[in-house]
Amino acid sequence: MKIDEHIKNLEKYCEDDIDFRSQTAEEEKSDFDIFCDNHIADIKAIIQELKNTQSDLYESNKRIADLLLILGDRDRMINKMAEQLAGITIWDIKKDEPLILMSEEEVIKYYEKESKNAKD
């Protein structure tokens, strides 16, 4: 059973209980009625917290999906750039000499290394 179904069942139980007790509530609330009211309040609070958590998780999952799409786009862009750069001569400014990276893999590895060194 999904959490939404459980929540609906608990909400219905709370409403049914409130309806039942309000029909017989000519007298003052008993300790049992107060006990039930407290539990119903707790259940409703838990239901609300579950709904909030469910909403937060939904938003987090949407954000993760968006980030995965961005990463996929970035990887496709890097691969396309590596394809274009493979085989051409670039200038290695650190060594002050020309550098030819012959394959896409060499281009990617070179720039990964360079970007890692730039962070240090």
PDB file of N, CA and C in Angstrom:
ATOM      1  N   MET A   1       0.850  -1.182   0.000  1.00  0.00           N
ATOM      2  CA  MET A   1       0.000   0.000   0.000  1.00  0.00           C
ATOM      3  C   MET A   1       0.893   1.243   0.000  1.00  0.00           C
ATOM      4  N   LYS A   2       0.570   2.189  -0.841  1.00  0.00           N
ATOM      5  CA  LYS A   2       1.353   3.414  -0.939  1.00  0.00           C
ATOM      6  C   LYS A   2       1.077   4.320   0.256  1.00  0.00           C
ATOM      7  N   ILE A   3       2.022   5.198   0.515  1.00  0.00           N
ATOM      8  CA  ILE A   3       1.882   6.110   1.657  1.00  0.00           C
ATOM      9  C   ILE A   3       0.651   6.998   1.507  1.00  0.00           C
ATOM     10  N   ASP A   4       0.326   7.391   0.265  1.00  0.00           N
ATOM     11  CA  ASP A   4      -0.867   8.229   0.055  1.00  0.00           C
ATOM     12  C   ASP A   4      -2.125   7.500   0.508  1.00  0.00           C
ATOM     13  N   GLU A   5      -2.196   6.207   0.240  1.00  0.00           N
ATOM     14  CA  GLU A   5      -3.359   5.427   0.653  1.00  0.00           C
ATOM     15  C   GLU A   5      -3.440   5.334   2.178  1.00  0.00           C
ATOM     16  N   HIS A   6      -2.295   5.140   2.823  1.00  0.00           N
ATOM     17  CA  HIS A   6      -2.267   5.100   4.290  1.00  0.00           C
ATOM     18  C   HIS A   6      -2.726   6.438   4.873  1.00  0.00           C
ATOM     19  N   ILE A   7      -2.248   7.510   4.284  1.00  0.00           N
ATOM     20  CA  ILE A   7      -2.629   8.837   4.772  1.00  0.00           C
ATOM     21  C   ILE A   7      -4.136   9.034   4.632  1.00  0.00           C
ATOM     22  N   LYS A   8      -4.679   8.661   3.477  1.00  0.00           N
ATOM     23  CA  LYS A   8      -6.127   8.794   3.274  1.00  0.00           C
ATOM     24  C   LYS A   8      -6.898   7.953   4.281  1.00  0.00           C
ATOM     25  N   ASN A   9      -6.421   6.732   4.543  1.00  0.00           N
ATOM     26  CA  ASN A   9      -7.082   5.871   5.528  1.00  0.00           C
ATOM     27  C   ASN A   9      -7.050   6.502   6.918  1.00  0.00           C
ATOM     28  N   LEU A  10      -5.901   7.047   7.319  1.00  0.00           N
ATOM     29  CA  LEU A  10      -5.804   7.681   8.633  1.00  0.00           C
ATOM     30  C   LEU A  10      -6.695   8.919   8.720  1.00  0.00           C
ATOM     31  N   GLU A  11      -6.715   9.712   7.643  1.00  0.00           N
ATOM     32  CA  GLU A  11      -7.585  10.885   7.641  1.00  0.00           C
ATOM     33  C   GLU A  11      -9.049  10.475   7.777  1.00  0.00           C
ATOM     34  N   LYS A  12      -9.437   9.434   7.060  1.00  0.00           N
ATOM     35  CA  LYS A  12     -10.824   8.947   7.125  1.00  0.00           C
ATOM     36  C   LYS A  12     -11.128   8.433   8.536  1.00  0.00           C
ATOM     37  N   TYR A  13     -10.201   7.683   9.116  1.00  0.00           N
ATOM     38  CA  TYR A  13     -10.383   7.170  10.477  1.00  0.00           C
ATOM     39  C   TYR A  13     -10.587   8.328  11.460  1.00  0.00           C
ATOM     40  N   CYS A  14      -9.750   9.356  11.325  1.00  0.00           N
ATOM     41  CA  CYS A  14      -9.876  10.518  12.226  1.00  0.00           C
ATOM     42  C   CYS A  14     -11.228  11.190  12.047  1.00  0.00           C
ATOM     43  N   GLU A  15     -11.639  11.391  10.824  1.00  0.00           N
ATOM     44  CA  GLU A  15     -12.928  12.039  10.570  1.00  0.00           C
ATOM     45  C   GLU A  15     -14.087  11.175  11.070  1.00  0.00           C
ATOM     46  N   ASP A  16     -14.020   9.866  10.817  1.00  0.00           N
ATOM     47  CA  ASP A  16     -15.080   8.964  11.292  1.00  0.00           C
ATOM     48  C   ASP A  16     -15.165   8.989  12.808  1.00  0.00           C
ATOM     49  N   ASP A  17     -14.002   9.008  13.457  1.00  0.00           N
ATOM     50  CA  ASP A  17     -13.976   9.021  14.921  1.00  0.00           C
ATOM     51  C   ASP A  17     -14.566  10.320  15.455  1.00  0.00           C
ATOM     52  N   ILE A  18     -14.210  11.421  14.841  1.00  0.00           N
ATOM     53  CA  ILE A  18     -14.743  12.715  15.271  1.00  0.00           C
ATOM     54  C   ILE A  18     -16.259  12.749  15.055  1.00  0.00           C
ATOM     55  N   ASP A  19     -16.732  12.260  13.888  1.00  0.00           N
ATOM     56  CA  ASP A  19     -18.171  12.227  13.605  1.00  0.00           C
ATOM     57  C   ASP A  19     -18.912  11.354  14.610  1.00  0.00           C
ATOM     58  N   PHE A  20     -18.344  10.194  14.935  1.00  0.00           N
ATOM     59  CA  PHE A  20     -18.981   9.270  15.869  1.00  0.00           C
ATOM     60  C   PHE A  20     -19.110   9.907  17.256  1.00  0.00           C
ATOM     61  N   ARG A  21     -18.019  10.516  17.726  1.00  0.00           N
ATOM     62  CA  ARG A  21     -18.036  11.077  19.064  1.00  0.00           C
ATOM     63  C   ARG A  21     -18.872  12.343  19.144  1.00  0.00           C
ATOM     64  N   SER A  22     -18.981  13.094  18.057  1.00  0.00           N
ATOM     65  CA  SER A  22     -19.778  14.318  18.128  1.00  0.00           C
ATOM     66  C   SER A  22     -21.270  14.002  18.222  1.00  0.00           C
ATOM     67  N   GLN A  23     -21.682  12.812  17.746  1.00  0.00           N
ATOM     68  CA  GLN A  23     -23.093  12.427  17.843  1.00  0.00           C
ATOM     69  C   GLN A  23     -23.469  12.052  19.275  1.00  0.00           C
ATOM     70  N   THR A  24     -22.513  11.634  20.050  1.00  0.00           N
ATOM     71  CA  THR A  24     -22.799  11.200  21.420  1.00  0.00           C
ATOM     72  C   THR A  24     -22.218  12.182  22.442  1.00  0.00           C
ATOM     73  N   ALA A  25     -21.955  13.391  22.020  1.00  0.00           N
ATOM     74  CA  ALA A  25     -21.219  14.313  22.883  1.00  0.00           C
ATOM     75  C   ALA A  25     -22.124  15.254  23.671  1.00  0.00           C
ATOM     76  N   GLU A  26     -23.305  14.800  24.075  1.00  0.00           N
ATOM     77  CA  GLU A  26     -24.158  15.654  24.906  1.00  0.00           C
ATOM     78  C   GLU A  26     -23.527  15.866  26.279  1.00  0.00           C
ATOM     79  N   GLU A  27     -22.799  14.877  26.727  1.00  0.00           N
ATOM     80  CA  GLU A  27     -22.173  14.986  28.040  1.00  0.00           C
ATOM     81  C   GLU A  27     -20.763  15.554  27.899  1.00  0.00           C
ATOM     82  N   GLU A  28     -20.163  15.833  28.995  1.00  0.00           N
ATOM     83  CA  GLU A  28     -18.817  16.360  29.010  1.00  0.00           C
ATOM     84  C   GLU A  28     -17.849  15.300  28.486  1.00  0.00           C
ATOM     85  N   LYS A  29     -16.756  15.752  27.893  1.00  0.00           N
ATOM     86  CA  LYS A  29     -15.779  14.809  27.337  1.00  0.00           C
ATOM     87  C   LYS A  29     -15.194  13.939  28.439  1.00  0.00           C
ATOM     88  N   SER A  30     -15.139  12.667  28.140  1.00  0.00           N
ATOM     89  CA  SER A  30     -14.536  11.736  29.093  1.00  0.00           C
ATOM     90  C   SER A  30     -13.016  11.744  28.915  1.00  0.00           C
ATOM     91  N   ASP A  31     -12.336  11.095  29.836  1.00  0.00           N
ATOM     92  CA  ASP A  31     -10.883  10.953  29.707  1.00  0.00           C
ATOM     93  C   ASP A  31     -10.540  10.216  28.423  1.00  0.00           C
ATOM     94  N   PHE A  32     -11.386   9.246  28.064  1.00  0.00           N
ATOM     95  CA  PHE A  32     -11.138   8.498  26.835  1.00  0.00           C
ATOM     96  C   PHE A  32     -11.288   9.406  25.613  1.00  0.00           C
ATOM     97  N   ASP A  33     -12.295  10.292  25.626  1.00  0.00           N
ATOM     98  CA  ASP A  33     -12.472  11.230  24.522  1.00  0.00           C
ATOM     99  C   ASP A  33     -11.258  12.158  24.390  1.00  0.00           C
ATOM    100  N   ILE A  34     -10.769  12.620  25.513  1.00  0.00           N
ATOM    101  CA  ILE A  34      -9.588  13.487  25.509  1.00  0.00           C
ATOM    102  C   ILE A  34      -8.382  12.709  24.994  1.00  0.00           C
ATOM    103  N   PHE A  35      -8.248  11.466  25.451  1.00  0.00           N
ATOM    104  CA  PHE A  35      -7.174  10.582  24.983  1.00  0.00           C
ATOM    105  C   PHE A  35      -7.249  10.426  23.457  1.00  0.00           C
ATOM    106  N   CYS A  36      -8.456  10.171  22.957  1.00  0.00           N
ATOM    107  CA  CYS A  36      -8.652  10.013  21.507  1.00  0.00           C
ATOM    108  C   CYS A  36      -8.336  11.308  20.766  1.00  0.00           C
ATOM    109  N   ASP A  37      -8.805  12.434  21.306  1.00  0.00           N
ATOM    110  CA  ASP A  37      -8.529  13.727  20.673  1.00  0.00           C
ATOM    111  C   ASP A  37      -7.027  13.973  20.553  1.00  0.00           C
ATOM    112  N   ASN A  38      -6.309  13.648  21.612  1.00  0.00           N
ATOM    113  CA  ASN A  38      -4.852  13.830  21.581  1.00  0.00           C
ATOM    114  C   ASN A  38      -4.205  12.948  20.526  1.00  0.00           C
ATOM    115  N   HIS A  39      -4.669  11.714  20.423  1.00  0.00           N
ATOM    116  CA  HIS A  39      -4.103  10.817  19.414  1.00  0.00           C
ATOM    117  C   HIS A  39      -4.465  11.268  18.006  1.00  0.00           C
ATOM    118  N   ILE A  40      -5.680  11.734  17.839  1.00  0.00           N
ATOM    119  CA  ILE A  40      -6.082  12.248  16.527  1.00  0.00           C
ATOM    120  C   ILE A  40      -5.225  13.450  16.153  1.00  0.00           C
ATOM    121  N   ALA A  41      -4.970  14.328  17.103  1.00  0.00           N
ATOM    122  CA  ALA A  41      -4.110  15.490  16.836  1.00  0.00           C
ATOM    123  C   ALA A  41      -2.700  15.038  16.451  1.00  0.00           C
ATOM    124  N   ASP A  42      -2.187  14.034  17.154  1.00  0.00           N
ATOM    125  CA  ASP A  42      -0.863  13.497  16.819  1.00  0.00           C
ATOM    126  C   ASP A  42      -0.851  12.898  15.420  1.00  0.00           C
ATOM    127  N   ILE A  43      -1.882  12.124  15.101  1.00  0.00           N
ATOM    128  CA  ILE A  43      -1.962  11.493  13.781  1.00  0.00           C
ATOM    129  C   ILE A  43      -2.026  12.562  12.692  1.00  0.00           C
ATOM    130  N   LYS A  44      -2.846  13.593  12.909  1.00  0.00           N
ATOM    131  CA  LYS A  44      -2.942  14.675  11.922  1.00  0.00           C
ATOM    132  C   LYS A  44      -1.603  15.395  11.758  1.00  0.00           C
ATOM    133  N   ALA A  45      -0.878  15.587  12.851  1.00  0.00           N
ATOM    134  CA  ALA A  45       0.434  16.233  12.771  1.00  0.00           C
ATOM    135  C   ALA A  45       1.410  15.366  11.978  1.00  0.00           C
ATOM    136  N   ILE A  46       1.361  14.058  12.224  1.00  0.00           N
ATOM    137  CA  ILE A  46       2.228  13.137  11.486  1.00  0.00           C
ATOM    138  C   ILE A  46       1.864  13.141  10.004  1.00  0.00           C
ATOM    139  N   ILE A  47       0.567  13.137   9.709  1.00  0.00           N
ATOM    140  CA  ILE A  47       0.112  13.179   8.317  1.00  0.00           C
ATOM    141  C   ILE A  47       0.649  14.437   7.634  1.00  0.00           C
ATOM    142  N   GLN A  48       0.548  15.575   8.299  1.00  0.00           N
ATOM    143  CA  GLN A  48       1.034  16.829   7.707  1.00  0.00           C
ATOM    144  C   GLN A  48       2.543  16.772   7.492  1.00  0.00           C
ATOM    145  N   GLU A  49       3.258  16.230   8.480  1.00  0.00           N
ATOM    146  CA  GLU A  49       4.710  16.110   8.348  1.00  0.00           C
ATOM    147  C   GLU A  49       5.079  15.186   7.186  1.00  0.00           C
ATOM    148  N   LEU A  50       4.355  14.088   7.025  1.00  0.00           N
ATOM    149  CA  LEU A  50       4.593  13.181   5.897  1.00  0.00           C
ATOM    150  C   LEU A  50       4.327  13.867   4.564  1.00  0.00           C
ATOM    151  N   LYS A  51       3.261  14.651   4.507  1.00  0.00           N
ATOM    152  CA  LYS A  51       2.961  15.392   3.275  1.00  0.00           C
ATOM    153  C   LYS A  51       4.068  16.392   2.966  1.00  0.00           C
ATOM    154  N   ASN A  52       4.559  17.084   3.992  1.00  0.00           N
ATOM    155  CA  ASN A  52       5.655  18.036   3.786  1.00  0.00           C
ATOM    156  C   ASN A  52       6.909  17.324   3.303  1.00  0.00           C
ATOM    157  N   THR A  53       7.229  16.195   3.932  1.00  0.00           N
ATOM    158  CA  THR A  53       8.405  15.422   3.538  1.00  0.00           C
ATOM    159  C   THR A  53       8.258  14.908   2.115  1.00  0.00           C
ATOM    160  N   GLN A  54       7.075  14.431   1.793  1.00  0.00           N
ATOM    161  CA  GLN A  54       6.810  13.928   0.442  1.00  0.00           C
ATOM    162  C   GLN A  54       7.007  15.051  -0.585  1.00  0.00           C
ATOM    163  N   SER A  55       6.532  16.232  -0.271  1.00  0.00           N
ATOM    164  CA  SER A  55       6.683  17.377  -1.166  1.00  0.00           C
ATOM    165  C   SER A  55       8.161  17.749  -1.313  1.00  0.00           C
ATOM    166  N   ASP A  56       8.888  17.748  -0.189  1.00  0.00           N
ATOM    167  CA  ASP A  56      10.324  18.057  -0.233  1.00  0.00           C
ATOM    168  C   ASP A  56      11.074  17.039  -1.079  1.00  0.00           C
ATOM    169  N   LEU A  57      10.733  15.761  -0.922  1.00  0.00           N
ATOM    170  CA  LEU A  57      11.391  14.716  -1.709  1.00  0.00           C
ATOM    171  C   LEU A  57      11.091  14.866  -3.191  1.00  0.00           C
ATOM    172  N   TYR A  58       9.851  15.218  -3.519  1.00  0.00           N
ATOM    173  CA  TYR A  58       9.476  15.421  -4.907  1.00  0.00           C
ATOM    174  C   TYR A  58      10.307  16.553  -5.514  1.00  0.00           C
ATOM    175  N   GLU A  59      10.427  17.657  -4.787  1.00  0.00           N
ATOM    176  CA  GLU A  59      11.217  18.788  -5.272  1.00  0.00           C
ATOM    177  C   GLU A  59      12.694  18.417  -5.404  1.00  0.00           C
ATOM    178  N   SER A  60      13.210  17.663  -4.443  1.00  0.00           N
ATOM    179  CA  SER A  60      14.609  17.219  -4.512  1.00  0.00           C
ATOM    180  C   SER A  60      14.839  16.320  -5.714  1.00  0.00           C
ATOM    181  N   ASN A  61      13.912  15.413  -5.962  1.00  0.00           N
ATOM    182  CA  ASN A  61      14.040  14.527  -7.121  1.00  0.00           C
ATOM    183  C   ASN A  61      14.000  15.306  -8.429  1.00  0.00           C
ATOM    184  N   LYS A  62      13.151  16.332  -8.495  1.00  0.00           N
ATOM    185  CA  LYS A  62      13.109  17.176  -9.691  1.00  0.00           C
ATOM    186  C   LYS A  62      14.441  17.884  -9.887  1.00  0.00           C
ATOM    187  N   ARG A  63      15.001  18.398  -8.794  1.00  0.00           N
ATOM    188  CA  ARG A  63      16.282  19.103  -8.872  1.00  0.00           C
ATOM    189  C   ARG A  63      17.401  18.158  -9.327  1.00  0.00           C
ATOM    190  N   ILE A  64      17.412  16.934  -8.789  1.00  0.00           N
ATOM    191  CA  ILE A  64      18.425  15.941  -9.186  1.00  0.00           C
ATOM    192  C   ILE A  64      18.281  15.602 -10.667  1.00  0.00           C
ATOM    193  N   ALA A  65      17.052  15.413 -11.134  1.00  0.00           N
ATOM    194  CA  ALA A  65      16.819  15.113 -12.550  1.00  0.00           C
ATOM    195  C   ALA A  65      17.332  16.252 -13.433  1.00  0.00           C
ATOM    196  N   ASP A  66      17.080  17.494 -13.010  1.00  0.00           N
ATOM    197  CA  ASP A  66      17.572  18.650 -13.771  1.00  0.00           C
ATOM    198  C   ASP A  66      19.096  18.668 -13.815  1.00  0.00           C
ATOM    199  N   LEU A  67      19.735  18.386 -12.681  1.00  0.00           N
ATOM    200  CA  LEU A  67      21.200  18.376 -12.628  1.00  0.00           C
ATOM    201  C   LEU A  67      21.780  17.263 -13.493  1.00  0.00           C
ATOM    202  N   LEU A  68      21.120  16.110 -13.517  1.00  0.00           N
ATOM    203  CA  LEU A  68      21.591  15.010 -14.370  1.00  0.00           C
ATOM    204  C   LEU A  68      21.499  15.379 -15.850  1.00  0.00           C
ATOM    205  N   LEU A  69      20.449  16.098 -16.216  1.00  0.00           N
ATOM    206  CA  LEU A  69      20.331  16.568 -17.603  1.00  0.00           C
ATOM    207  C   LEU A  69      21.451  17.547 -17.941  1.00  0.00           C
ATOM    208  N   ILE A  70      21.752  18.446 -17.008  1.00  0.00           N
ATOM    209  CA  ILE A  70      22.842  19.408 -17.218  1.00  0.00           C
ATOM    210  C   ILE A  70      24.169  18.681 -17.370  1.00  0.00           C
ATOM    211  N   LEU A  71      24.417  17.683 -16.512  1.00  0.00           N
ATOM    212  CA  LEU A  71      25.665  16.914 -16.615  1.00  0.00           C
ATOM    213  C   LEU A  71      25.762  16.167 -17.940  1.00  0.00           C
ATOM    214  N   GLY A  72      24.636  15.614 -18.383  1.00  0.00           N
ATOM    215  CA  GLY A  72      24.626  14.926 -19.677  1.00  0.00           C
ATOM    216  C   GLY A  72      24.950  15.882 -20.807  1.00  0.00           C
ATOM    217  N   ASP A  73      24.374  17.090 -20.770  1.00  0.00           N
ATOM    218  CA  ASP A  73      24.674  18.112 -21.777  1.00  0.00           C
ATOM    219  C   ASP A  73      26.142  18.494 -21.732  1.00  0.00           C
ATOM    220  N   ARG A  74      26.671  18.655 -20.521  1.00  0.00           N
ATOM    221  CA  ARG A  74      28.080  19.022 -20.366  1.00  0.00           C
ATOM    222  C   ARG A  74      28.996  17.947 -20.945  1.00  0.00           C
ATOM    223  N   ASP A  75      28.682  16.681 -20.657  1.00  0.00           N
ATOM    224  CA  ASP A  75      29.507  15.589 -21.173  1.00  0.00           C
ATOM    225  C   ASP A  75      29.461  15.524 -22.697  1.00  0.00           C
ATOM    226  N   ARG A  76      28.286  15.731 -23.281  1.00  0.00           N
ATOM    227  CA  ARG A  76      28.175  15.735 -24.749  1.00  0.00           C
ATOM    228  C   ARG A  76      28.980  16.892 -25.345  1.00  0.00           C
ATOM    229  N   MET A  77      28.950  18.049 -24.681  1.00  0.00           N
ATOM    230  CA  MET A  77      29.697  19.206 -25.156  1.00  0.00           C
ATOM    231  C   MET A  77      31.203  18.944 -25.077  1.00  0.00           C
ATOM    232  N   ILE A  78      31.651  18.384 -23.973  1.00  0.00           N
ATOM    233  CA  ILE A  78      33.077  18.070 -23.811  1.00  0.00           C
ATOM    234  C   ILE A  78      33.524  17.074 -24.874  1.00  0.00           C
ATOM    235  N   ASN A  79      32.712  16.045 -25.107  1.00  0.00           N
ATOM    236  CA  ASN A  79      33.079  15.049 -26.118  1.00  0.00           C
ATOM    237  C   ASN A  79      33.141  15.661 -27.515  1.00  0.00           C
ATOM    238  N   LYS A  80      32.221  16.553 -27.822  1.00  0.00           N
ATOM    239  CA  LYS A  80      32.220  17.206 -29.132  1.00  0.00           C
ATOM    240  C   LYS A  80      33.444  18.109 -29.273  1.00  0.00           C
ATOM    241  N   MET A  81      33.785  18.839 -28.216  1.00  0.00           N
ATOM    242  CA  MET A  81      34.962  19.701 -28.251  1.00  0.00           C
ATOM    243  C   MET A  81      36.231  18.850 -28.398  1.00  0.00           C
ATOM    244  N   ALA A  82      36.309  17.734 -27.682  1.00  0.00           N
ATOM    245  CA  ALA A  82      37.477  16.853 -27.772  1.00  0.00           C
ATOM    246  C   ALA A  82      37.609  16.289 -29.181  1.00  0.00           C
ATOM    247  N   GLU A  83      36.478  15.965 -29.781  1.00  0.00           N
ATOM    248  CA  GLU A  83      36.485  15.453 -31.161  1.00  0.00           C
ATOM    249  C   GLU A  83      37.067  16.505 -32.107  1.00  0.00           C
ATOM    250  N   GLN A  84      36.694  17.768 -31.911  1.00  0.00           N
ATOM    251  CA  GLN A  84      37.182  18.849 -32.767  1.00  0.00           C
ATOM    252  C   GLN A  84      38.655  19.162 -32.517  1.00  0.00           C
ATOM    253  N   LEU A  85      39.109  19.033 -31.263  1.00  0.00           N
ATOM    254  CA  LEU A  85      40.491  19.376 -30.929  1.00  0.00           C
ATOM    255  C   LEU A  85      41.490  18.257 -31.219  1.00  0.00           C
ATOM    256  N   ALA A  86      41.025  17.032 -31.308  1.00  0.00           N
ATOM    257  CA  ALA A  86      41.938  15.904 -31.521  1.00  0.00           C
ATOM    258  C   ALA A  86      42.681  16.088 -32.849  1.00  0.00           C
ATOM    259  N   GLY A  87      44.006  15.992 -32.769  1.00  0.00           N
ATOM    260  CA  GLY A  87      44.840  16.059 -33.967  1.00  0.00           C
ATOM    261  C   GLY A  87      45.333  17.451 -34.324  1.00  0.00           C
ATOM    262  N   ILE A  88      44.821  18.504 -33.694  1.00  0.00           N
ATOM    263  CA  ILE A  88      45.335  19.832 -34.027  1.00  0.00           C
ATOM    264  C   ILE A  88      46.424  20.227 -33.024  1.00  0.00           C
ATOM    265  N   THR A  89      47.230  21.158 -33.406  1.00  0.00           N
ATOM    266  CA  THR A  89      48.327  21.609 -32.554  1.00  0.00           C
ATOM    267  C   THR A  89      47.829  22.741 -31.654  1.00  0.00           C
ATOM    268  N   ILE A  90      48.100  22.591 -30.365  1.00  0.00           N
ATOM    269  CA  ILE A  90      47.803  23.667 -29.417  1.00  0.00           C
ATOM    270  C   ILE A  90      49.119  24.077 -28.763  1.00  0.00           C
ATOM    271  N   TRP A  91      49.140  25.213 -28.137  1.00  0.00           N
ATOM    272  CA  TRP A  91      50.358  25.684 -27.491  1.00  0.00           C
ATOM    273  C   TRP A  91      50.282  25.398 -25.999  1.00  0.00           C
ATOM    274  N   ASP A  92      51.247  24.642 -25.482  1.00  0.00           N
ATOM    275  CA  ASP A  92      51.338  24.344 -24.057  1.00  0.00           C
ATOM    276  C   ASP A  92      52.089  25.500 -23.404  1.00  0.00           C
ATOM    277  N   ILE A  93      51.362  26.402 -22.758  1.00  0.00           N
ATOM    278  CA  ILE A  93      51.997  27.604 -22.214  1.00  0.00           C
ATOM    279  C   ILE A  93      52.921  27.305 -21.033  1.00  0.00           C
ATOM    280  N   LYS A  94      52.674  26.199 -20.330  1.00  0.00           N
ATOM    281  CA  LYS A  94      53.545  25.851 -19.194  1.00  0.00           C
ATOM    282  C   LYS A  94      54.923  25.409 -19.681  1.00  0.00           C
ATOM    283  N   LYS A  95      54.927  24.644 -20.777  1.00  0.00           N
ATOM    284  CA  LYS A  95      56.198  24.139 -21.313  1.00  0.00           C
ATOM    285  C   LYS A  95      56.737  25.027 -22.432  1.00  0.00           C
ATOM    286  N   ASP A  96      55.933  25.999 -22.860  1.00  0.00           N
ATOM    287  CA  ASP A  96      56.284  26.904 -23.948  1.00  0.00           C
ATOM    288  C   ASP A  96      56.699  26.128 -25.206  1.00  0.00           C
ATOM    289  N   GLU A  97      55.827  25.199 -25.584  1.00  0.00           N
ATOM    290  CA  GLU A  97      56.067  24.395 -26.784  1.00  0.00           C
ATOM    291  C   GLU A  97      54.740  23.907 -27.353  1.00  0.00           C
ATOM    292  N   PRO A  98      54.744  23.518 -28.619  1.00  0.00           N
ATOM    293  CA  PRO A  98      53.510  22.998 -29.208  1.00  0.00           C
ATOM    294  C   PRO A  98      53.170  21.622 -28.641  1.00  0.00           C
ATOM    295  N   LEU A  99      51.883  21.329 -28.666  1.00  0.00           N
ATOM    296  CA  LEU A  99      51.404  20.050 -28.151  1.00  0.00           C
ATOM    297  C   LEU A  99      50.338  19.534 -29.101  1.00  0.00           C
ATOM    298  N   ILE A 100      50.479  18.286 -29.485  1.00  0.00           N
ATOM    299  CA  ILE A 100      49.474  17.661 -30.343  1.00  0.00           C
ATOM    300  C   ILE A 100      48.854  16.504 -29.570  1.00  0.00           C
ATOM    301  N   LEU A 101      47.562  16.592 -29.339  1.00  0.00           N
ATOM    302  CA  LEU A 101      46.814  15.516 -28.686  1.00  0.00           C
ATOM    303  C   LEU A 101      46.074  14.784 -29.801  1.00  0.00           C
ATOM    304  N   MET A 102      46.445  13.532 -30.022  1.00  0.00           N
ATOM    305  CA  MET A 102      45.997  12.829 -31.218  1.00  0.00           C
ATOM    306  C   MET A 102      44.581  12.258 -31.132  1.00  0.00           C
ATOM    307  N   SER A 103      44.098  11.944 -29.934  1.00  0.00           N
ATOM    308  CA  SER A 103      42.766  11.326 -29.827  1.00  0.00           C
ATOM    309  C   SER A 103      41.868  12.135 -28.893  1.00  0.00           C
ATOM    310  N   GLU A 104      40.588  11.854 -28.992  1.00  0.00           N
ATOM    311  CA  GLU A 104      39.622  12.512 -28.100  1.00  0.00           C
ATOM    312  C   GLU A 104      39.954  12.214 -26.641  1.00  0.00           C
ATOM    313  N   GLU A 105      40.346  10.963 -26.376  1.00  0.00           N
ATOM    314  CA  GLU A 105      40.678  10.574 -25.010  1.00  0.00           C
ATOM    315  C   GLU A 105      41.868  11.367 -24.478  1.00  0.00           C
ATOM    316  N   GLU A 106      42.889  11.580 -25.325  1.00  0.00           N
ATOM    317  CA  GLU A 106      44.054  12.367 -24.909  1.00  0.00           C
ATOM    318  C   GLU A 106      43.656  13.804 -24.601  1.00  0.00           C
ATOM    319  N   VAL A 107      42.777  14.371 -25.419  1.00  0.00           N
ATOM    320  CA  VAL A 107      42.316  15.745 -25.201  1.00  0.00           C
ATOM    321  C   VAL A 107      41.597  15.836 -23.858  1.00  0.00           C
ATOM    322  N   ILE A 108      40.671  14.914 -23.609  1.00  0.00           N
ATOM    323  CA  ILE A 108      39.900  14.930 -22.358  1.00  0.00           C
ATOM    324  C   ILE A 108      40.819  14.757 -21.161  1.00  0.00           C
ATOM    325  N   LYS A 109      41.738  13.783 -21.232  1.00  0.00           N
ATOM    326  CA  LYS A 109      42.659  13.553 -20.111  1.00  0.00           C
ATOM    327  C   LYS A 109      43.548  14.770 -19.858  1.00  0.00           C
ATOM    328  N   TYR A 110      44.036  15.394 -20.925  1.00  0.00           N
ATOM    329  CA  TYR A 110      44.894  16.568 -20.782  1.00  0.00           C
ATOM    330  C   TYR A 110      44.153  17.693 -20.057  1.00  0.00           C
ATOM    331  N   TYR A 111      42.931  17.989 -20.498  1.00  0.00           N
ATOM    332  CA  TYR A 111      42.188  19.091 -19.892  1.00  0.00           C
ATOM    333  C   TYR A 111      41.658  18.745 -18.501  1.00  0.00           C
ATOM    334  N   GLU A 112      41.389  17.462 -18.250  1.00  0.00           N
ATOM    335  CA  GLU A 112      41.030  17.063 -16.880  1.00  0.00           C
ATOM    336  C   GLU A 112      42.201  17.324 -15.946  1.00  0.00           C
ATOM    337  N   LYS A 113      43.402  16.952 -16.393  1.00  0.00           N
ATOM    338  CA  LYS A 113      44.614  17.165 -15.595  1.00  0.00           C
ATOM    339  C   LYS A 113      44.854  18.641 -15.387  1.00  0.00           C
ATOM    340  N   GLU A 114      44.698  19.432 -16.429  1.00  0.00           N
ATOM    341  CA  GLU A 114      44.925  20.865 -16.331  1.00  0.00           C
ATOM    342  C   GLU A 114      43.927  21.533 -15.389  1.00  0.00           C
ATOM    343  N   SER A 115      42.673  21.094 -15.467  1.00  0.00           N
ATOM    344  CA  SER A 115      41.674  21.715 -14.588  1.00  0.00           C
ATOM    345  C   SER A 115      41.895  21.301 -13.137  1.00  0.00           C
ATOM    346  N   LYS A 116      42.360  20.056 -12.922  1.00  0.00           N
ATOM    347  CA  LYS A 116      42.666  19.625 -11.553  1.00  0.00           C
ATOM    348  C   LYS A 116      43.835  20.422 -11.000  1.00  0.00           C
ATOM    349  N   ASN A 117      44.862  20.645 -11.811  1.00  0.00           N
ATOM    350  CA  ASN A 117      46.009  21.427 -11.369  1.00  0.00           C
ATOM    351  C   ASN A 117      45.639  22.870 -11.126  1.00  0.00           C
ATOM    352  N   ALA A 118      44.668  23.385 -11.871  1.00  0.00           N
ATOM    353  CA  ALA A 118      44.244  24.779 -11.686  1.00  0.00           C
ATOM    354  C   ALA A 118      43.555  24.976 -10.345  1.00  0.00           C
ATOM    355  N   LYS A 119      42.935  23.924  -9.812  1.00  0.00           N
ATOM    356  CA  LYS A 119      42.259  24.016  -8.522  1.00  0.00           C
ATOM    357  C   LYS A 119      43.263  24.089  -7.384  1.00  0.00           C
ATOM    358  N   ASP A 120      44.429  23.457  -7.576  1.00  0.00           N
ATOM    359  CA  ASP A 120      45.423  23.382  -6.495  1.00  0.00           C
ATOM    360  C   ASP A 120      46.110  24.662  -6.267  1.00  0.00           C
TER     361      ASP A 120
END
